[in-house]
């Protein structure tokens, strides 16, 4: 069984939010066929239809609505993870190593 693809979930959420494949494509800077392909692959992965295509508009199926809630949680966790890693990268969080020699330690201790 294949794993879920974050890009497909992000694309799915954009399609649902905007209500069209072409609008989602513009926002994601993708082609409309690329968006359609990602949704098809996601539906194949799930084995069910997630979006009803009604002309140029889309409607989310019951299964699609359930997936929306899960996908939003996953995206929030990904954003949280990204933020946490940036704190390490930017030096706000992590381990600090302080070097000292015996002389500075001894003179500091004897002054107590």
C-alpha atoms as a PDB file:
ATOM      1  CA  UNK A   1       0.000   0.000   0.000  1.00  0.00           C
ATOM      2  CA  UNK A   2       1.359   3.414  -0.995  1.00  0.00           C
ATOM      3  CA  UNK A   3       1.716   6.216   1.535  1.00  0.00           C
ATOM      4  CA  UNK A   4      -0.221   9.433   1.343  1.00  0.00           C
ATOM      5  CA  UNK A   5       1.533  12.210  -0.545  1.00  0.00           C
ATOM      6  CA  UNK A   6       1.634  15.628   1.143  1.00  0.00           C
ATOM      7  CA  UNK A   7       1.584  17.449  -2.198  1.00  0.00           C
ATOM      8  CA  UNK A   8      -1.586  15.579  -3.172  1.00  0.00           C
ATOM      9  CA  UNK A   9      -3.229  16.432   0.157  1.00  0.00           C
ATOM     10  CA  UNK A  10      -2.246  20.102  -0.206  1.00  0.00           C
ATOM     11  CA  UNK A  11      -3.634  20.159  -3.745  1.00  0.00           C
ATOM     12  CA  UNK A  12      -6.827  18.445  -2.603  1.00  0.00           C
ATOM     13  CA  UNK A  13      -7.338  21.063   0.122  1.00  0.00           C
ATOM     14  CA  UNK A  14      -6.800  23.897  -2.364  1.00  0.00           C
ATOM     15  CA  UNK A  15      -9.306  22.407  -4.817  1.00  0.00           C
ATOM     16  CA  UNK A  16     -11.882  22.047  -2.047  1.00  0.00           C
ATOM     17  CA  UNK A  17     -11.240  25.534  -0.641  1.00  0.00           C
ATOM     18  CA  UNK A  18     -11.339  27.318  -4.008  1.00  0.00           C
ATOM     19  CA  UNK A  19     -13.966  25.087  -5.586  1.00  0.00           C
ATOM     20  CA  UNK A  20     -12.210  24.555  -8.887  1.00  0.00           C
ATOM     21  CA  UNK A  21      -9.251  22.753 -10.371  1.00  0.00           C
ATOM     22  CA  UNK A  22      -8.100  25.731 -12.429  1.00  0.00           C
ATOM     23  CA  UNK A  23      -8.278  28.100  -9.434  1.00  0.00           C
ATOM     24  CA  UNK A  24      -6.254  25.674  -7.334  1.00  0.00           C
ATOM     25  CA  UNK A  25      -3.745  25.346 -10.167  1.00  0.00           C
ATOM     26  CA  UNK A  26      -3.268  29.125 -10.291  1.00  0.00           C
ATOM     27  CA  UNK A  27      -2.794  29.369  -6.526  1.00  0.00           C
ATOM     28  CA  UNK A  28      -0.345  26.446  -6.424  1.00  0.00           C
ATOM     29  CA  UNK A  29       1.478  27.608  -9.557  1.00  0.00           C
ATOM     30  CA  UNK A  30       0.720  24.317 -11.314  1.00  0.00           C
ATOM     31  CA  UNK A  31      -1.024  23.435 -14.538  1.00  0.00           C
ATOM     32  CA  UNK A  32      -4.658  22.358 -14.395  1.00  0.00           C
ATOM     33  CA  UNK A  33      -3.759  18.880 -15.755  1.00  0.00           C
ATOM     34  CA  UNK A  34      -1.165  18.499 -12.957  1.00  0.00           C
ATOM     35  CA  UNK A  35      -3.829  19.296 -10.352  1.00  0.00           C
ATOM     36  CA  UNK A  36      -6.257  16.839 -11.981  1.00  0.00           C
ATOM     37  CA  UNK A  37      -3.546  14.176 -12.005  1.00  0.00           C
ATOM     38  CA  UNK A  38      -2.786  14.653  -8.297  1.00  0.00           C
ATOM     39  CA  UNK A  39      -6.475  14.381  -7.394  1.00  0.00           C
ATOM     40  CA  UNK A  40      -6.867  11.254  -9.568  1.00  0.00           C
ATOM     41  CA  UNK A  41      -3.842   9.666  -7.873  1.00  0.00           C
ATOM     42  CA  UNK A  42      -5.169  10.547  -4.413  1.00  0.00           C
ATOM     43  CA  UNK A  43      -8.571   9.065  -5.279  1.00  0.00           C
ATOM     44  CA  UNK A  44      -6.861   5.935  -6.623  1.00  0.00           C
ATOM     45  CA  UNK A  45      -4.839   5.693  -3.390  1.00  0.00           C
ATOM     46  CA  UNK A  46      -8.039   5.939  -1.329  1.00  0.00           C
ATOM     47  CA  UNK A  47     -10.016   3.747  -3.717  1.00  0.00           C
ATOM     48  CA  UNK A  48     -12.992   6.146  -3.666  1.00  0.00           C
ATOM     49  CA  UNK A  49     -14.191   9.340  -5.280  1.00  0.00           C
ATOM     50  CA  UNK A  50     -13.386  12.362  -3.141  1.00  0.00           C
ATOM     51  CA  UNK A  51     -14.661  15.128  -5.409  1.00  0.00           C
ATOM     52  CA  UNK A  52     -17.693  15.325  -7.680  1.00  0.00           C
ATOM     53  CA  UNK A  53     -16.950  17.311 -10.802  1.00  0.00           C
ATOM     54  CA  UNK A  54     -19.974  19.417 -11.763  1.00  0.00           C
ATOM     55  CA  UNK A  55     -18.993  21.390 -14.843  1.00  0.00           C
ATOM     56  CA  UNK A  56     -16.138  23.649 -13.820  1.00  0.00           C
ATOM     57  CA  UNK A  57     -17.162  23.538 -10.159  1.00  0.00           C
ATOM     58  CA  UNK A  58     -16.399  20.797  -7.651  1.00  0.00           C
ATOM     59  CA  UNK A  59     -18.351  19.372  -4.747  1.00  0.00           C
ATOM     60  CA  UNK A  60     -16.778  17.293  -2.037  1.00  0.00           C
ATOM     61  CA  UNK A  61     -18.202  13.816  -1.429  1.00  0.00           C
ATOM     62  CA  UNK A  62     -18.892  12.573   2.105  1.00  0.00           C
ATOM     63  CA  UNK A  63     -15.554  10.736   2.053  1.00  0.00           C
ATOM     64  CA  UNK A  64     -13.877  13.878   0.735  1.00  0.00           C
ATOM     65  CA  UNK A  65     -15.279  15.959   3.594  1.00  0.00           C
ATOM     66  CA  UNK A  66     -13.886  13.446   6.077  1.00  0.00           C
ATOM     67  CA  UNK A  67     -10.511  13.579   4.332  1.00  0.00           C
ATOM     68  CA  UNK A  68     -10.547  17.400   4.505  1.00  0.00           C
ATOM     69  CA  UNK A  69     -10.509  17.286   8.309  1.00  0.00           C
ATOM     70  CA  UNK A  70      -7.663  14.762   8.412  1.00  0.00           C
ATOM     71  CA  UNK A  71      -5.668  16.613   5.751  1.00  0.00           C
ATOM     72  CA  UNK A  72      -6.015  19.930   7.598  1.00  0.00           C
ATOM     73  CA  UNK A  73      -4.684  18.330  10.796  1.00  0.00           C
ATOM     74  CA  UNK A  74      -1.782  16.802   8.871  1.00  0.00           C
ATOM     75  CA  UNK A  75      -0.939  20.153   7.260  1.00  0.00           C
ATOM     76  CA  UNK A  76      -1.049  21.906  10.658  1.00  0.00           C
ATOM     77  CA  UNK A  77       1.358  19.304  12.064  1.00  0.00           C
ATOM     78  CA  UNK A  78       3.660  19.752   9.059  1.00  0.00           C
ATOM     79  CA  UNK A  79       3.689  23.520   9.625  1.00  0.00           C
ATOM     80  CA  UNK A  80       4.436  22.973  13.312  1.00  0.00           C
ATOM     81  CA  UNK A  81       7.272  20.592  12.454  1.00  0.00           C
ATOM     82  CA  UNK A  82       8.670  23.065   9.940  1.00  0.00           C
ATOM     83  CA  UNK A  83       8.595  25.836  12.545  1.00  0.00           C
ATOM     84  CA  UNK A  84      10.361  23.626  15.102  1.00  0.00           C
ATOM     85  CA  UNK A  85      13.117  22.763  12.637  1.00  0.00           C
ATOM     86  CA  UNK A  86      13.563  26.436  11.711  1.00  0.00           C
ATOM     87  CA  UNK A  87      14.129  27.268  15.379  1.00  0.00           C
ATOM     88  CA  UNK A  88      17.032  24.796  15.410  1.00  0.00           C
ATOM     89  CA  UNK A  89      18.312  26.032  12.057  1.00  0.00           C
ATOM     90  CA  UNK A  90      18.164  29.670  13.119  1.00  0.00           C
ATOM     91  CA  UNK A  91      19.916  28.952  16.437  1.00  0.00           C
ATOM     92  CA  UNK A  92      16.988  29.734  18.756  1.00  0.00           C
ATOM     93  CA  UNK A  93      16.852  26.191  20.060  1.00  0.00           C
ATOM     94  CA  UNK A  94      19.443  23.473  20.439  1.00  0.00           C
ATOM     95  CA  UNK A  95      22.524  22.595  22.431  1.00  0.00           C
ATOM     96  CA  UNK A  96      25.189  25.122  23.364  1.00  0.00           C
ATOM     97  CA  UNK A  97      28.748  24.013  24.070  1.00  0.00           C
ATOM     98  CA  UNK A  98      30.896  26.259  26.267  1.00  0.00           C
ATOM     99  CA  UNK A  99      34.611  25.732  26.368  1.00  0.00           C
ATOM    100  CA  UNK A 100      36.734  26.663  29.370  1.00  0.00           C
ATOM    101  CA  UNK A 101      40.118  25.843  30.759  1.00  0.00           C
ATOM    102  CA  UNK A 102      41.064  24.677  34.240  1.00  0.00           C
ATOM    103  CA  UNK A 103      42.508  28.039  35.320  1.00  0.00           C
ATOM    104  CA  UNK A 104      39.288  30.000  34.793  1.00  0.00           C
ATOM    105  CA  UNK A 105      37.277  27.292  36.510  1.00  0.00           C
ATOM    106  CA  UNK A 106      39.584  27.065  39.522  1.00  0.00           C
ATOM    107  CA  UNK A 107      39.800  30.847  40.054  1.00  0.00           C
ATOM    108  CA  UNK A 108      36.024  31.125  39.777  1.00  0.00           C
ATOM    109  CA  UNK A 109      35.479  28.325  42.290  1.00  0.00           C
ATOM    110  CA  UNK A 110      38.012  29.713  44.812  1.00  0.00           C
ATOM    111  CA  UNK A 111      36.244  33.084  44.833  1.00  0.00           C
ATOM    112  CA  UNK A 112      33.051  31.550  46.266  1.00  0.00           C
END
